[in-house]
């Protein structure tokens, strides 16, 4: 199945409001890529302080949306779901660029492609778009670690 609604997304992500950054998956190819959507609402808590006179989505939240989409891609590719024994971490962020502000009312589309996976570290190429125009890009490295310190 390529698409996922919010209820299926919640099965693959431990994050919840206000940190949940994926509302839907519109495309998925195991071992290759995912396209996810975040509907950016004026009610997002970070808009109160970033910035009250002209709210824009913080870049770190766009990066978080990328990492969450990457997590869904990795877990679905492995045929697993995260559980309370494991935590999905950033291992690195390279080449992060922010090209255009993301504002309330925007539909943020996040495309993530697997570049490599070796010894529990996944490398992803990520791009975020609004109305087809690139707003951010980055290469991210992520890993899953068991809470007892072992590799997952």
Protein backbone atom coordinates (compact mmCIF):
# COMPACT_ATOMS: atom_id res chain seq x y z
CA UNK A 1 0.00 0.00 0.00
CA UNK A 2 1.46 3.34 -1.04
CA UNK A 3 -0.68 5.82 0.86
CA UNK A 4 -1.09 6.07 4.64
CA UNK A 5 -3.64 8.08 6.58
CA UNK A 6 -2.93 9.69 9.96
CA UNK A 7 -3.91 6.54 11.88
CA UNK A 8 -1.38 4.44 9.97
CA UNK A 9 1.26 7.18 10.36
CA UNK A 10 0.77 7.09 14.14
CA UNK A 11 1.62 3.38 14.06
CA UNK A 12 5.09 4.15 12.69
CA UNK A 13 5.96 7.26 14.72
CA UNK A 14 6.25 7.60 18.49
CA UNK A 15 5.90 11.40 18.23
CA UNK A 16 2.59 13.01 19.13
CA UNK A 17 1.22 16.56 19.12
CA UNK A 18 2.83 19.09 19.21
CA UNK A 19 5.88 17.37 17.68
CA UNK A 20 4.10 15.13 15.17
CA UNK A 21 5.12 16.55 11.76
CA UNK A 22 3.57 14.04 9.32
CA UNK A 23 -0.17 14.06 8.62
CA UNK A 24 -0.30 11.68 5.65
CA UNK A 25 1.87 9.63 3.30
CA UNK A 26 0.97 10.03 -0.37
CA UNK A 27 3.62 7.75 -1.92
CA UNK A 28 5.86 4.95 -0.68
CA UNK A 29 8.35 2.65 -2.39
CA UNK A 30 10.01 0.19 0.00
CA UNK A 31 13.76 0.60 0.08
CA UNK A 32 13.58 3.71 -2.12
CA UNK A 33 11.44 6.73 -1.25
CA UNK A 34 8.49 8.25 0.54
CA UNK A 35 6.41 11.38 0.04
CA UNK A 36 4.69 12.73 3.14
CA UNK A 37 2.53 15.75 3.90
CA UNK A 38 2.38 18.16 6.84
CA UNK A 39 -0.57 20.58 6.77
CA UNK A 40 0.82 23.70 8.41
CA UNK A 41 -1.89 25.19 10.64
CA UNK A 42 -1.99 28.68 12.13
CA UNK A 43 -2.62 26.87 15.44
CA UNK A 44 0.87 25.32 15.61
CA UNK A 45 2.32 26.25 19.04
CA UNK A 46 5.65 27.51 17.65
CA UNK A 47 3.93 30.28 15.67
CA UNK A 48 3.21 32.19 18.91
CA UNK A 49 6.89 33.02 19.19
CA UNK A 50 8.24 32.48 15.65
CA UNK A 51 7.20 35.22 14.81
CA UNK A 52 3.98 36.77 16.15
CA UNK A 53 3.96 39.58 13.54
CA UNK A 54 4.77 37.24 10.58
CA UNK A 55 4.64 33.54 11.55
CA UNK A 56 7.03 31.19 9.76
CA UNK A 57 7.70 27.51 10.43
CA UNK A 58 11.09 27.10 12.15
CA UNK A 59 13.69 25.35 10.01
CA UNK A 60 14.30 22.80 12.75
CA UNK A 61 10.64 21.75 12.50
CA UNK A 62 11.02 21.25 8.75
CA UNK A 63 14.09 19.08 9.47
CA UNK A 64 12.02 17.18 12.05
CA UNK A 65 9.32 16.56 9.41
CA UNK A 66 12.04 15.17 7.13
CA UNK A 67 13.37 12.89 9.88
CA UNK A 68 9.89 11.60 10.70
CA UNK A 69 9.18 10.82 7.05
CA UNK A 70 12.58 9.09 6.89
CA UNK A 71 11.67 7.07 9.99
CA UNK A 72 8.46 5.84 8.40
CA UNK A 73 10.41 4.93 5.24
CA UNK A 74 13.05 3.01 7.21
CA UNK A 75 10.63 1.14 9.47
CA UNK A 76 8.26 0.21 6.64
CA UNK A 77 11.22 -0.90 4.51
CA UNK A 78 12.34 -3.17 7.37
CA UNK A 79 8.79 -4.41 7.92
CA UNK A 80 8.87 -3.27 11.56
CA UNK A 81 7.21 -0.70 13.77
CA UNK A 82 8.98 1.21 16.53
CA UNK A 83 8.21 0.26 20.11
CA UNK A 84 8.90 1.63 23.59
CA UNK A 85 12.30 -0.12 23.73
CA UNK A 86 13.79 1.84 20.83
CA UNK A 87 14.44 5.49 19.99
CA UNK A 88 15.01 6.87 16.49
CA UNK A 89 17.82 9.47 16.55
CA UNK A 90 19.50 11.96 14.25
CA UNK A 91 23.10 10.94 13.65
CA UNK A 92 23.85 13.96 11.44
CA UNK A 93 22.50 16.65 9.16
CA UNK A 94 24.46 17.76 6.10
CA UNK A 95 23.81 20.44 3.52
CA UNK A 96 20.67 21.85 5.14
CA UNK A 97 19.41 24.75 3.05
CA UNK A 98 16.27 26.81 3.53
CA UNK A 99 15.09 28.49 0.35
CA UNK A 100 11.71 30.00 1.18
CA UNK A 101 9.63 30.53 4.35
CA UNK A 102 6.85 28.09 5.20
CA UNK A 103 3.77 29.88 6.53
CA UNK A 104 0.44 28.97 8.13
CA UNK A 105 -1.91 27.49 5.55
CA UNK A 106 0.90 25.91 3.50
CA UNK A 107 0.86 22.22 2.63
CA UNK A 108 4.41 21.03 3.21
CA UNK A 109 5.31 18.06 1.01
CA UNK A 110 8.36 16.11 2.14
CA UNK A 111 10.16 13.72 -0.20
CA UNK A 112 12.79 11.44 1.26
CA UNK A 113 14.97 8.95 -0.61
CA UNK A 114 17.30 6.35 0.87
CA UNK A 115 20.89 6.92 -0.21
CA UNK A 116 22.56 4.26 1.93
CA UNK A 117 22.14 2.02 4.95
CA UNK A 118 25.15 0.56 6.70
CA UNK A 119 25.64 -0.84 10.23
CA UNK A 120 22.39 0.64 11.51
CA UNK A 121 22.98 4.14 10.10
CA UNK A 122 20.63 5.31 7.36
CA UNK A 123 21.45 8.18 5.00
CA UNK A 124 18.57 10.03 3.36
CA UNK A 125 18.28 12.77 0.75
CA UNK A 126 15.38 15.04 1.70
CA UNK A 127 13.50 17.84 0.03
CA UNK A 128 10.53 19.85 1.29
CA UNK A 129 8.22 21.67 -1.11
CA UNK A 130 5.21 23.97 -1.02
CA UNK A 131 3.09 24.15 -4.17
CA UNK A 132 5.84 22.30 -6.05
CA UNK A 133 8.55 24.85 -5.15
CA UNK A 134 11.50 23.71 -3.02
CA UNK A 135 11.54 25.33 0.42
CA UNK A 136 14.26 23.22 2.10
CA UNK A 137 16.69 20.39 1.46
CA UNK A 138 19.10 18.33 3.53
CA UNK A 139 20.89 15.03 3.78
CA UNK A 140 20.18 13.41 7.11
CA UNK A 141 21.67 10.45 8.94
CA UNK A 142 19.48 8.56 11.39
CA UNK A 143 19.78 5.47 13.55
CA UNK A 144 17.64 3.38 15.86
CA UNK A 145 19.02 2.65 19.32
CA UNK A 146 17.56 0.43 22.00
CA UNK A 147 17.15 2.17 25.32
CA UNK A 148 19.67 -0.21 26.92
CA UNK A 149 22.33 1.21 24.55
CA UNK A 150 22.42 -1.67 22.08
CA UNK A 151 21.94 -1.27 18.33
CA UNK A 152 18.42 -2.07 17.19
